[in-house]
Amino acid sequence: MSLAIFDLDHTLLAGDSDHAWGEFLASRGWVDPDAHRRANDRYFAQYQAGQLDIREYLAFALAPLAGRERAELDALHREFMAARILPMITASARALVERHRARGDRLLIVTSTNRFVTAPIAREFGIEHLLATDPEERDGRYTGRVAGTPCYREGKVERLREWLAVHRETLEGSWGYSDSHNDLPLLQLVAHPVAVDPDEILRREAERRGWPIISLR
């Protein structure tokens, strides 16, 4: 049994759940639509360019969750899943996950998007193990701050190493799937890195290293 590690946005999903959540909040009037969309698009462009200040972005992304009743947030997320996320899940993405499951591999999603947004998506794929950026909670409500290390770039590696130690797992024979050059620190650790519909930087690196390049679209 090997470990199969999946990035989420633009890898298992044909889109970005974090950016889509911001768009969804704007469409529902939870945030100022114009200002939020402008900031959301700006941060997304910075992420694509590898220039994102993750702490600054998370202060923006988690603010709309702060102080809300959990039941209210969960109800909104169910709408979000139906309207925005399920259309992003391709048959090819589901098939890839199922191939690893059928082999007996242990499945793990590692994503920079926060756990509130991504935990229901992991459940949709039937994947038990999820490493994501954790929003801080106090008295049953989110504070708008981050708990622990953001699961981004080198932070993914740090969080993964901690998870491996806790679960007594190794990267021997492991697989790693991602679309983004931001995940190069993680892809370089696994035994079988795979570029999925990669950005140009990751495509060039994958070609240079002889990594497989696949599409789930």
Protein backbone atom coordinates (compact mmCIF):
# COMPACT_ATOMS: atom_id res chain seq x y z
CA MET A 1 0.00 0.00 0.00
CA SER A 2 1.34 3.42 -1.02
CA LEU A 3 0.30 6.97 -0.26
CA ALA A 4 -1.53 8.89 -3.00
CA ILE A 5 -1.40 12.66 -2.42
CA PHE A 6 -3.72 14.94 -4.35
CA ASP A 7 -3.76 18.69 -4.65
CA LEU A 8 -7.36 19.91 -4.90
CA ASP A 9 -7.81 23.13 -6.86
CA HIS A 10 -7.21 22.74 -10.62
CA THR A 11 -6.12 19.16 -9.93
CA LEU A 12 -9.01 17.06 -8.63
CA LEU A 13 -11.25 20.03 -9.35
CA ALA A 14 -11.57 21.65 -12.75
CA GLY A 15 -11.45 25.03 -11.06
CA ASP A 16 -10.46 26.75 -7.84
CA SER A 17 -12.67 26.19 -4.79
CA ASP A 18 -11.13 29.09 -2.86
CA HIS A 19 -11.71 31.63 -5.63
CA ALA A 20 -15.16 30.17 -6.33
CA TRP A 21 -16.11 30.52 -2.66
CA GLY A 22 -15.22 34.21 -2.78
CA GLU A 23 -17.33 34.62 -5.92
CA PHE A 24 -20.17 32.74 -4.27
CA LEU A 25 -20.07 34.97 -1.18
CA ALA A 26 -20.20 38.03 -3.42
CA SER A 27 -23.16 36.63 -5.33
CA ARG A 28 -25.03 36.03 -2.06
CA GLY A 29 -24.33 39.52 -0.70
CA TRP A 30 -22.23 38.34 2.24
CA VAL A 31 -19.45 40.69 1.18
CA ASP A 32 -19.22 43.88 -0.87
CA PRO A 33 -19.47 42.33 -4.35
CA ASP A 34 -17.26 44.69 -6.33
CA ALA A 35 -14.52 45.18 -3.73
CA HIS A 36 -14.41 41.49 -2.83
CA ARG A 37 -14.24 40.35 -6.45
CA ARG A 38 -11.43 42.77 -7.23
CA ALA A 39 -9.41 41.57 -4.24
CA ASN A 40 -10.24 37.93 -4.93
CA ASP A 41 -9.02 38.23 -8.52
CA ARG A 42 -5.88 40.09 -7.45
CA TYR A 43 -4.90 37.43 -4.92
CA PHE A 44 -5.62 34.66 -7.42
CA ALA A 45 -3.29 36.29 -9.95
CA GLN A 46 -0.60 36.58 -7.26
CA TYR A 47 -1.02 32.89 -6.46
CA GLN A 48 -0.65 31.93 -10.12
CA ALA A 49 2.51 34.03 -10.34
CA GLY A 50 3.97 32.47 -7.17
CA GLN A 51 3.90 35.86 -5.42
CA LEU A 52 1.09 35.39 -2.92
CA ASP A 53 1.54 36.61 0.65
CA ILE A 54 -0.39 33.74 2.21
CA ARG A 55 -0.97 35.44 5.56
CA GLU A 56 -2.36 38.55 3.90
CA TYR A 57 -4.58 36.47 1.67
CA LEU A 58 -5.91 34.35 4.53
CA ALA A 59 -6.86 37.45 6.53
CA PHE A 60 -9.00 38.40 3.52
CA ALA A 61 -10.39 34.92 2.83
CA LEU A 62 -11.28 33.99 6.41
CA ALA A 63 -12.82 37.32 7.43
CA PRO A 64 -16.31 36.46 6.08
CA LEU A 65 -16.43 33.35 8.31
CA ALA A 66 -15.67 35.23 11.52
CA GLY A 67 -18.38 35.24 14.15
CA ARG A 68 -20.99 33.46 12.03
CA GLU A 69 -23.17 30.68 13.39
CA ARG A 70 -21.84 27.36 12.18
CA ALA A 71 -25.29 26.21 11.08
CA GLU A 72 -25.58 29.27 8.86
CA LEU A 73 -22.16 28.64 7.31
CA ASP A 74 -22.86 24.95 6.75
CA ALA A 75 -26.18 25.71 5.03
CA LEU A 76 -24.45 28.17 2.72
CA HIS A 77 -21.71 25.65 1.97
CA ARG A 78 -24.29 23.04 0.92
CA GLU A 79 -25.58 25.53 -1.65
CA PHE A 80 -22.01 26.22 -2.74
CA MET A 81 -21.26 22.52 -3.20
CA ALA A 82 -24.31 22.00 -5.39
CA ALA A 83 -23.94 25.17 -7.45
CA ARG A 84 -20.17 25.54 -7.85
CA ILE A 85 -18.20 22.46 -6.75
CA LEU A 86 -20.03 19.43 -8.13
CA PRO A 87 -19.81 20.83 -11.68
CA MET A 88 -16.01 21.07 -11.19
CA ILE A 89 -15.62 17.35 -10.47
CA THR A 90 -14.91 15.45 -13.66
CA ALA A 91 -15.40 11.76 -14.28
CA SER A 92 -11.66 11.51 -14.93
CA ALA A 93 -10.85 12.95 -11.49
CA ARG A 94 -13.18 10.51 -9.78
CA ALA A 95 -11.69 7.64 -11.80
CA LEU A 96 -8.13 8.56 -10.79
CA VAL A 97 -9.08 8.53 -7.11
CA GLU A 98 -10.88 5.23 -7.52
CA ARG A 99 -7.89 3.61 -9.26
CA HIS A 100 -5.72 4.39 -6.26
CA ARG A 101 -8.44 3.27 -3.87
CA ALA A 102 -8.80 -0.04 -5.74
CA ARG A 103 -5.04 -0.60 -5.41
CA GLY A 104 -5.35 -0.20 -1.66
CA ASP A 105 -3.44 3.08 -1.55
CA ARG A 106 -3.98 5.50 1.31
CA LEU A 107 -5.58 8.68 -0.05
CA LEU A 108 -4.69 12.17 1.13
CA ILE A 109 -5.68 15.62 -0.10
CA VAL A 110 -3.16 18.38 0.63
CA THR A 111 -4.50 21.85 -0.18
CA SER A 112 -3.83 25.45 0.75
CA THR A 113 -7.57 26.24 0.70
CA ASN A 114 -9.06 26.34 4.18
CA ARG A 115 -10.63 23.31 5.84
CA PHE A 116 -14.11 24.83 6.06
CA VAL A 117 -14.28 25.05 2.26
CA THR A 118 -12.48 21.79 1.50
CA ALA A 119 -13.62 19.21 4.09
CA PRO A 120 -16.99 18.62 2.38
CA ILE A 121 -15.20 18.32 -0.97
CA ALA A 122 -12.87 15.66 0.43
CA ARG A 123 -15.94 13.80 1.71
CA GLU A 124 -17.50 13.99 -1.77
CA PHE A 125 -14.46 12.12 -3.09
CA GLY A 126 -14.62 9.67 -0.19
CA ILE A 127 -11.15 10.74 0.97
CA GLU A 128 -10.76 10.53 4.74
CA HIS A 129 -7.43 12.29 5.15
CA LEU A 130 -7.17 16.03 4.48
CA LEU A 131 -4.41 18.52 5.13
CA ALA A 132 -5.69 22.06 4.66
CA THR A 133 -5.18 25.49 6.13
CA ASP A 134 -7.03 25.44 9.45
CA PRO A 135 -9.20 28.41 10.45
CA GLU A 136 -8.95 29.23 14.13
CA GLU A 137 -12.09 28.48 16.17
CA ARG A 138 -13.19 29.84 19.53
CA ASP A 139 -16.43 28.96 21.32
CA GLY A 140 -17.71 27.17 18.23
CA ARG A 141 -17.15 30.07 15.84
CA TYR A 142 -14.38 31.03 13.48
CA THR A 143 -12.25 33.99 14.51
CA GLY A 144 -11.02 34.99 11.04
CA ARG A 145 -7.46 33.96 11.94
CA VAL A 146 -5.35 30.92 11.06
CA ALA A 147 -4.54 28.10 13.44
CA GLY A 148 -1.05 26.68 12.96
CA THR A 149 0.97 26.61 9.76
CA PRO A 150 -0.82 27.56 6.52
CA CYS A 151 -0.81 24.58 4.16
CA TYR A 152 0.93 26.44 1.33
CA ARG A 153 4.18 25.84 -0.57
CA GLU A 154 6.81 24.81 2.02
CA GLY A 155 4.01 24.77 4.59
CA LYS A 156 2.53 21.80 2.74
CA VAL A 157 5.81 19.94 3.23
CA GLU A 158 5.90 20.83 6.93
CA ARG A 159 2.32 19.73 7.46
CA LEU A 160 2.86 16.54 5.45
CA ARG A 161 5.93 15.57 7.47
CA GLU A 162 3.94 16.03 10.68
CA TRP A 163 1.11 13.89 9.27
CA LEU A 164 3.52 11.14 8.21
CA ALA A 165 4.97 10.98 11.72
CA VAL A 166 1.55 10.84 13.40
CA HIS A 167 0.23 8.16 11.04
CA ARG A 168 3.49 6.19 10.90
CA GLU A 169 3.41 6.53 7.13
CA THR A 170 6.28 6.92 4.68
CA LEU A 171 6.68 8.31 1.17
CA GLU A 172 8.09 5.06 -0.18
CA GLY A 173 6.26 4.34 -3.43
CA SER A 174 4.12 7.44 -2.96
CA TRP A 175 2.27 9.34 -5.69
CA GLY A 176 1.73 13.09 -5.87
CA TYR A 177 -0.60 15.00 -8.19
CA SER A 178 -0.70 18.76 -8.72
CA ASP A 179 -1.27 21.44 -11.34
CA SER A 180 0.82 24.20 -9.77
CA HIS A 181 4.46 25.21 -9.57
CA ASN A 182 3.66 26.29 -6.01
CA ASP A 183 3.62 22.57 -5.18
CA LEU A 184 7.11 21.82 -6.46
CA PRO A 185 8.48 21.50 -2.89
CA LEU A 186 5.94 18.72 -2.27
CA LEU A 187 6.20 17.02 -5.67
CA GLN A 188 9.96 16.69 -5.26
CA LEU A 189 9.41 14.55 -2.14
CA VAL A 190 7.18 11.84 -3.58
CA ALA A 191 8.35 8.78 -5.48
CA HIS A 192 5.98 9.35 -8.41
CA PRO A 193 5.22 13.03 -9.07
CA VAL A 194 2.56 13.71 -11.73
CA ALA A 195 1.71 17.08 -13.28
CA VAL A 196 -2.03 17.46 -13.84
CA ASP A 197 -3.14 20.06 -16.43
CA PRO A 198 -0.08 21.99 -15.24
CA ASP A 199 0.67 25.68 -15.36
CA GLU A 200 3.52 26.64 -17.67
CA ILE A 201 6.20 26.69 -14.97
CA LEU A 202 5.27 23.24 -13.70
CA ARG A 203 4.94 21.91 -17.26
CA ARG A 204 8.49 23.00 -18.09
CA GLU A 205 9.81 21.48 -14.86
CA ALA A 206 7.92 18.24 -15.41
CA GLU A 207 9.29 17.96 -18.97
CA ARG A 208 12.81 18.67 -17.71
CA ARG A 209 12.56 16.01 -15.01
CA GLY A 210 10.67 13.46 -17.11
CA TRP A 211 7.58 13.51 -14.88
CA PRO A 212 4.30 12.30 -16.40
CA ILE A 213 1.86 15.01 -17.51
CA ILE A 214 -1.82 14.11 -17.54
CA SER A 215 -5.17 15.83 -18.00
CA LEU A 216 -8.31 15.28 -15.95
CA ARG A 217 -10.42 17.72 -18.00
